[in-house]
């Protein structure tokens, strides 16, 4: 079984407009989905990410603030999921609550063994 990285993007504008009750309900759906993946032995880990950050760039190792991208492009969190192949990893991602948002997306990347 291989591991795949899910990068979650989008939904920021819609989340900002939610009531506290709606936010709580959506968080519950995320927790249920991740709990189910854990029980199935598919979840290796993951966390939400803060909005602030830094970039270290090039040989000079210059440091800039970031990320400064459109809301739908900002990575809001990640999971590491176990699946037989990228096709199964893609199907597993379709249960993600991020898709309740118009611009919600999951980028799926295989994690290579070193």
N, C-alpha and C. Protein backbone atom coordinates (compact mmCIF):
# COMPACT_ATOMS: atom_id res chain seq x y z
N UNK A 1 0.85 -1.17 0.00
CA UNK A 1 0.00 0.00 0.00
C UNK A 1 0.90 1.24 0.00
N UNK A 2 0.55 2.21 -0.81
CA UNK A 2 1.33 3.45 -0.95
C UNK A 2 0.69 4.57 -0.14
N UNK A 3 1.46 5.63 0.07
CA UNK A 3 0.92 6.80 0.75
C UNK A 3 0.78 7.95 -0.24
N UNK A 4 -0.27 8.75 -0.02
CA UNK A 4 -0.59 9.88 -0.88
C UNK A 4 -0.85 11.10 -0.01
N UNK A 5 -0.40 12.24 -0.50
CA UNK A 5 -0.62 13.51 0.18
C UNK A 5 -1.83 14.20 -0.42
N UNK A 6 -2.76 14.59 0.41
CA UNK A 6 -3.89 15.40 -0.01
C UNK A 6 -3.61 16.82 0.44
N UNK A 7 -3.64 17.78 -0.48
CA UNK A 7 -3.53 19.19 -0.16
C UNK A 7 -4.89 19.82 -0.40
N UNK A 8 -5.44 20.44 0.64
CA UNK A 8 -6.79 21.01 0.56
C UNK A 8 -6.73 22.49 0.27
N UNK A 9 -7.48 22.91 -0.74
CA UNK A 9 -7.55 24.33 -1.11
C UNK A 9 -8.99 24.77 -1.24
N UNK A 10 -9.21 26.06 -1.00
CA UNK A 10 -10.51 26.68 -1.26
C UNK A 10 -11.45 26.66 -0.07
N UNK A 11 -12.58 27.31 -0.26
CA UNK A 11 -13.61 27.35 0.76
C UNK A 11 -13.49 28.48 1.75
N UNK A 12 -12.42 29.28 1.68
CA UNK A 12 -12.20 30.33 2.68
C UNK A 12 -13.32 31.36 2.70
N UNK A 13 -13.75 31.84 1.53
CA UNK A 13 -14.79 32.86 1.48
C UNK A 13 -16.10 32.34 2.05
N UNK A 14 -16.45 31.11 1.71
CA UNK A 14 -17.70 30.53 2.22
C UNK A 14 -17.61 30.26 3.72
N UNK A 15 -16.44 29.80 4.19
CA UNK A 15 -16.27 29.56 5.63
C UNK A 15 -16.40 30.86 6.42
N UNK A 16 -15.87 31.95 5.88
CA UNK A 16 -15.92 33.24 6.57
C UNK A 16 -17.36 33.71 6.75
N UNK A 17 -18.25 33.29 5.87
CA UNK A 17 -19.66 33.70 5.93
C UNK A 17 -20.51 32.77 6.79
N UNK A 18 -19.94 31.68 7.30
CA UNK A 18 -20.71 30.72 8.09
C UNK A 18 -20.93 31.21 9.51
N UNK A 19 -22.05 30.81 10.06
CA UNK A 19 -22.32 31.05 11.48
C UNK A 19 -21.47 30.10 12.30
N UNK A 20 -21.29 30.38 13.59
CA UNK A 20 -20.54 29.44 14.43
C UNK A 20 -21.14 28.03 14.41
N UNK A 21 -22.45 27.93 14.34
CA UNK A 21 -23.11 26.62 14.30
C UNK A 21 -22.79 25.89 13.00
N UNK A 22 -22.79 26.63 11.89
CA UNK A 22 -22.46 26.02 10.60
C UNK A 22 -20.99 25.56 10.58
N UNK A 23 -20.11 26.38 11.15
CA UNK A 23 -18.70 25.99 11.22
C UNK A 23 -18.52 24.73 12.05
N UNK A 24 -19.22 24.66 13.17
CA UNK A 24 -19.14 23.49 14.06
C UNK A 24 -19.64 22.24 13.33
N UNK A 25 -20.76 22.38 12.61
CA UNK A 25 -21.32 21.25 11.88
C UNK A 25 -20.35 20.77 10.79
N UNK A 26 -19.74 21.72 10.09
CA UNK A 26 -18.80 21.32 9.04
C UNK A 26 -17.57 20.64 9.65
N UNK A 27 -17.07 21.16 10.75
CA UNK A 27 -15.92 20.53 11.40
C UNK A 27 -16.29 19.11 11.82
N UNK A 28 -17.53 18.90 12.27
CA UNK A 28 -17.99 17.56 12.62
C UNK A 28 -17.94 16.61 11.43
N UNK A 29 -18.31 17.12 10.25
CA UNK A 29 -18.26 16.27 9.04
C UNK A 29 -16.82 15.92 8.69
N UNK A 30 -15.89 16.86 8.87
CA UNK A 30 -14.46 16.56 8.64
C UNK A 30 -13.99 15.48 9.61
N UNK A 31 -14.35 15.63 10.88
CA UNK A 31 -13.91 14.67 11.89
C UNK A 31 -14.47 13.29 11.61
N UNK A 32 -15.75 13.21 11.21
CA UNK A 32 -16.36 11.92 10.88
C UNK A 32 -15.65 11.27 9.70
N UNK A 33 -15.35 12.05 8.67
CA UNK A 33 -14.68 11.52 7.48
C UNK A 33 -13.30 10.99 7.86
N UNK A 34 -12.54 11.78 8.62
CA UNK A 34 -11.19 11.35 9.00
C UNK A 34 -11.23 10.17 9.96
N UNK A 35 -12.21 10.14 10.85
CA UNK A 35 -12.35 9.00 11.77
C UNK A 35 -12.63 7.72 10.98
N UNK A 36 -13.50 7.81 9.97
CA UNK A 36 -13.81 6.65 9.13
C UNK A 36 -12.56 6.17 8.41
N UNK A 37 -11.77 7.11 7.83
CA UNK A 37 -10.53 6.73 7.16
C UNK A 37 -9.58 6.05 8.12
N UNK A 38 -9.52 6.54 9.36
CA UNK A 38 -8.65 5.93 10.37
C UNK A 38 -9.08 4.51 10.68
N UNK A 39 -10.38 4.29 10.86
CA UNK A 39 -10.89 2.94 11.15
C UNK A 39 -10.63 1.97 10.00
N UNK A 40 -10.60 2.50 8.77
CA UNK A 40 -10.33 1.68 7.60
C UNK A 40 -8.84 1.46 7.37
N UNK A 41 -8.00 2.06 8.21
CA UNK A 41 -6.56 1.94 8.06
C UNK A 41 -6.00 2.77 6.91
N UNK A 42 -6.75 3.77 6.48
CA UNK A 42 -6.35 4.59 5.33
C UNK A 42 -5.67 5.90 5.74
N UNK A 43 -5.83 6.35 6.97
CA UNK A 43 -5.32 7.65 7.41
C UNK A 43 -4.00 7.49 8.14
N UNK A 44 -2.95 8.16 7.63
CA UNK A 44 -1.65 8.15 8.30
C UNK A 44 -1.46 9.39 9.17
N UNK A 45 -2.07 10.51 8.80
CA UNK A 45 -1.93 11.74 9.58
C UNK A 45 -2.40 12.93 8.78
N UNK A 46 -2.34 14.09 9.41
CA UNK A 46 -2.71 15.33 8.74
C UNK A 46 -3.11 16.38 9.74
N UNK A 47 -3.08 17.63 9.31
CA UNK A 47 -3.41 18.76 10.16
C UNK A 47 -3.87 19.94 9.31
N UNK A 48 -4.63 20.87 9.91
CA UNK A 48 -4.88 22.13 9.22
C UNK A 48 -3.59 22.97 9.26
N UNK A 49 -3.49 23.94 8.37
CA UNK A 49 -2.33 24.81 8.32
C UNK A 49 -2.75 26.25 8.61
N UNK A 50 -1.88 27.00 9.29
CA UNK A 50 -2.12 28.41 9.53
C UNK A 50 -2.01 29.21 8.25
N UNK A 51 -2.58 30.41 8.25
CA UNK A 51 -2.55 31.25 7.05
C UNK A 51 -1.21 31.96 6.86
N UNK A 52 -0.50 32.21 7.94
CA UNK A 52 0.78 32.91 7.84
C UNK A 52 1.89 31.94 7.46
N UNK A 53 2.98 32.48 6.96
CA UNK A 53 4.10 31.64 6.59
C UNK A 53 5.26 32.46 6.09
N UNK A 54 6.33 31.80 5.69
CA UNK A 54 7.53 32.41 5.14
C UNK A 54 7.99 31.59 3.95
N UNK A 55 8.65 32.26 3.02
CA UNK A 55 9.32 31.61 1.90
C UNK A 55 10.81 31.88 2.03
N UNK A 56 11.62 30.85 1.84
CA UNK A 56 13.07 31.01 1.75
C UNK A 56 13.41 30.66 0.31
N UNK A 57 14.06 31.62 -0.39
CA UNK A 57 14.18 31.52 -1.85
C UNK A 57 15.63 31.60 -2.31
N UNK A 58 16.02 30.68 -3.17
CA UNK A 58 17.25 30.74 -3.93
C UNK A 58 18.53 30.62 -3.13
N UNK A 59 19.65 30.79 -3.87
CA UNK A 59 20.97 30.68 -3.27
C UNK A 59 21.18 31.68 -2.15
N UNK A 60 20.61 32.85 -2.32
CA UNK A 60 20.79 33.89 -1.29
C UNK A 60 19.95 33.62 -0.05
N UNK A 61 19.05 32.67 -0.16
CA UNK A 61 18.16 32.29 0.94
C UNK A 61 17.40 33.50 1.48
N UNK A 62 16.96 34.36 0.56
CA UNK A 62 16.18 35.53 0.97
C UNK A 62 14.85 35.05 1.54
N UNK A 63 14.39 35.76 2.54
CA UNK A 63 13.17 35.38 3.26
C UNK A 63 12.09 36.42 2.98
N UNK A 64 10.91 35.93 2.56
CA UNK A 64 9.77 36.82 2.35
C UNK A 64 8.56 36.25 3.08
N UNK A 65 7.61 37.11 3.35
CA UNK A 65 6.36 36.67 3.96
C UNK A 65 5.51 35.98 2.91
N UNK A 66 4.59 35.19 3.36
CA UNK A 66 3.69 34.54 2.43
C UNK A 66 2.88 33.48 3.17
N UNK A 67 2.09 32.70 2.55
CA UNK A 67 1.78 32.75 1.13
C UNK A 67 0.76 33.84 0.82
N UNK A 68 0.93 34.49 -0.31
CA UNK A 68 -0.03 35.50 -0.76
C UNK A 68 -0.62 35.03 -2.07
N UNK A 69 -1.65 34.26 -1.97
CA UNK A 69 -2.33 33.71 -3.15
C UNK A 69 -3.83 33.97 -2.97
N UNK A 70 -4.57 33.81 -4.04
CA UNK A 70 -6.03 33.91 -3.94
C UNK A 70 -6.52 32.84 -2.98
N UNK A 71 -7.63 33.13 -2.30
CA UNK A 71 -8.17 32.20 -1.32
C UNK A 71 -8.31 30.78 -1.82
N UNK A 72 -8.74 30.61 -3.06
CA UNK A 72 -8.94 29.26 -3.59
C UNK A 72 -7.63 28.54 -3.87
N UNK A 73 -6.49 29.27 -3.83
CA UNK A 73 -5.20 28.66 -4.10
C UNK A 73 -4.41 28.36 -2.83
N UNK A 74 -4.81 28.93 -1.70
CA UNK A 74 -4.09 28.74 -0.46
C UNK A 74 -4.30 27.33 0.07
N UNK A 75 -3.23 26.66 0.45
CA UNK A 75 -3.32 25.33 1.03
C UNK A 75 -3.76 25.49 2.48
N UNK A 76 -4.93 24.94 2.82
CA UNK A 76 -5.47 25.09 4.16
C UNK A 76 -5.15 23.93 5.08
N UNK A 77 -4.73 22.82 4.54
CA UNK A 77 -4.41 21.66 5.35
C UNK A 77 -3.99 20.50 4.48
N UNK A 78 -3.65 19.40 5.15
CA UNK A 78 -3.19 18.23 4.41
C UNK A 78 -3.57 16.96 5.18
N UNK A 79 -3.63 15.87 4.47
CA UNK A 79 -3.74 14.53 5.04
C UNK A 79 -2.75 13.64 4.30
N UNK A 80 -2.30 12.62 4.98
CA UNK A 80 -1.54 11.55 4.34
C UNK A 80 -2.42 10.31 4.41
N UNK A 81 -2.73 9.77 3.25
CA UNK A 81 -3.69 8.67 3.11
C UNK A 81 -3.01 7.47 2.47
N UNK A 82 -3.37 6.28 2.93
CA UNK A 82 -2.87 5.04 2.34
C UNK A 82 -3.88 4.52 1.33
N UNK A 83 -3.38 4.12 0.17
CA UNK A 83 -4.23 3.56 -0.88
C UNK A 83 -3.39 2.64 -1.74
N UNK A 84 -4.04 1.77 -2.48
CA UNK A 84 -3.33 0.84 -3.36
C UNK A 84 -2.67 1.54 -4.54
N UNK A 85 -3.33 2.60 -5.04
CA UNK A 85 -2.80 3.34 -6.18
C UNK A 85 -3.46 4.71 -6.23
N UNK A 86 -3.04 5.53 -7.18
CA UNK A 86 -3.57 6.89 -7.26
C UNK A 86 -5.06 6.90 -7.61
N UNK A 87 -5.53 5.88 -8.29
CA UNK A 87 -6.96 5.81 -8.63
C UNK A 87 -7.79 5.61 -7.36
N UNK A 88 -7.34 4.72 -6.48
CA UNK A 88 -8.05 4.52 -5.22
C UNK A 88 -7.94 5.78 -4.35
N UNK A 89 -6.77 6.41 -4.33
CA UNK A 89 -6.59 7.65 -3.55
C UNK A 89 -7.54 8.74 -4.05
N UNK A 90 -7.74 8.80 -5.35
CA UNK A 90 -8.66 9.78 -5.94
C UNK A 90 -10.09 9.49 -5.50
N UNK A 91 -10.49 8.24 -5.53
CA UNK A 91 -11.85 7.88 -5.11
C UNK A 91 -12.06 8.18 -3.63
N UNK A 92 -11.07 7.89 -2.79
CA UNK A 92 -11.19 8.18 -1.36
C UNK A 92 -11.39 9.67 -1.14
N UNK A 93 -10.69 10.51 -1.90
CA UNK A 93 -10.78 11.96 -1.72
C UNK A 93 -12.17 12.51 -1.98
N UNK A 94 -12.96 11.80 -2.78
CA UNK A 94 -14.29 12.30 -3.16
C UNK A 94 -15.26 12.36 -1.98
N UNK A 95 -14.91 11.73 -0.84
CA UNK A 95 -15.74 11.82 0.35
C UNK A 95 -15.41 13.02 1.22
N UNK A 96 -14.47 13.83 0.80
CA UNK A 96 -13.98 14.96 1.60
C UNK A 96 -15.01 16.09 1.68
N UNK A 97 -15.22 16.63 2.89
CA UNK A 97 -16.15 17.75 3.04
C UNK A 97 -15.71 19.04 2.35
N UNK A 98 -14.49 19.15 1.87
CA UNK A 98 -14.04 20.36 1.16
C UNK A 98 -14.92 20.61 -0.06
N UNK A 99 -15.50 19.54 -0.62
CA UNK A 99 -16.30 19.68 -1.83
C UNK A 99 -17.68 20.28 -1.57
N UNK A 100 -18.00 20.54 -0.30
CA UNK A 100 -19.22 21.28 0.01
C UNK A 100 -19.07 22.74 -0.40
N UNK A 101 -17.83 23.19 -0.59
CA UNK A 101 -17.55 24.57 -1.00
C UNK A 101 -17.41 24.61 -2.52
N UNK A 102 -17.91 25.67 -3.12
CA UNK A 102 -17.90 25.83 -4.56
C UNK A 102 -16.50 25.68 -5.14
N UNK A 103 -15.50 26.28 -4.46
CA UNK A 103 -14.15 26.25 -5.00
C UNK A 103 -13.23 25.27 -4.26
N UNK A 104 -13.81 24.37 -3.47
CA UNK A 104 -13.00 23.41 -2.73
C UNK A 104 -12.32 22.41 -3.65
N UNK A 105 -11.06 22.10 -3.35
CA UNK A 105 -10.34 21.13 -4.18
C UNK A 105 -9.35 20.34 -3.34
N UNK A 106 -9.01 19.16 -3.85
CA UNK A 106 -7.99 18.31 -3.24
C UNK A 106 -6.96 17.99 -4.31
N UNK A 107 -5.71 18.34 -4.03
CA UNK A 107 -4.61 17.92 -4.88
C UNK A 107 -4.07 16.62 -4.29
N UNK A 108 -3.91 15.61 -5.12
CA UNK A 108 -3.47 14.29 -4.67
C UNK A 108 -2.10 14.01 -5.26
N UNK A 109 -1.13 13.75 -4.38
CA UNK A 109 0.24 13.52 -4.84
C UNK A 109 0.79 12.25 -4.20
N UNK A 110 1.40 11.36 -4.97
CA UNK A 110 2.03 10.19 -4.37
C UNK A 110 3.25 10.61 -3.56
N UNK A 111 3.45 9.96 -2.42
CA UNK A 111 4.64 10.18 -1.62
C UNK A 111 5.62 9.08 -2.02
N UNK A 112 6.76 9.49 -2.53
CA UNK A 112 7.75 8.53 -3.04
C UNK A 112 8.62 7.99 -1.93
N UNK A 113 8.96 6.72 -2.02
CA UNK A 113 9.86 6.10 -1.06
C UNK A 113 11.28 6.52 -1.38
N UNK A 114 12.06 6.75 -0.36
CA UNK A 114 13.47 7.14 -0.55
C UNK A 114 14.37 5.97 -0.21
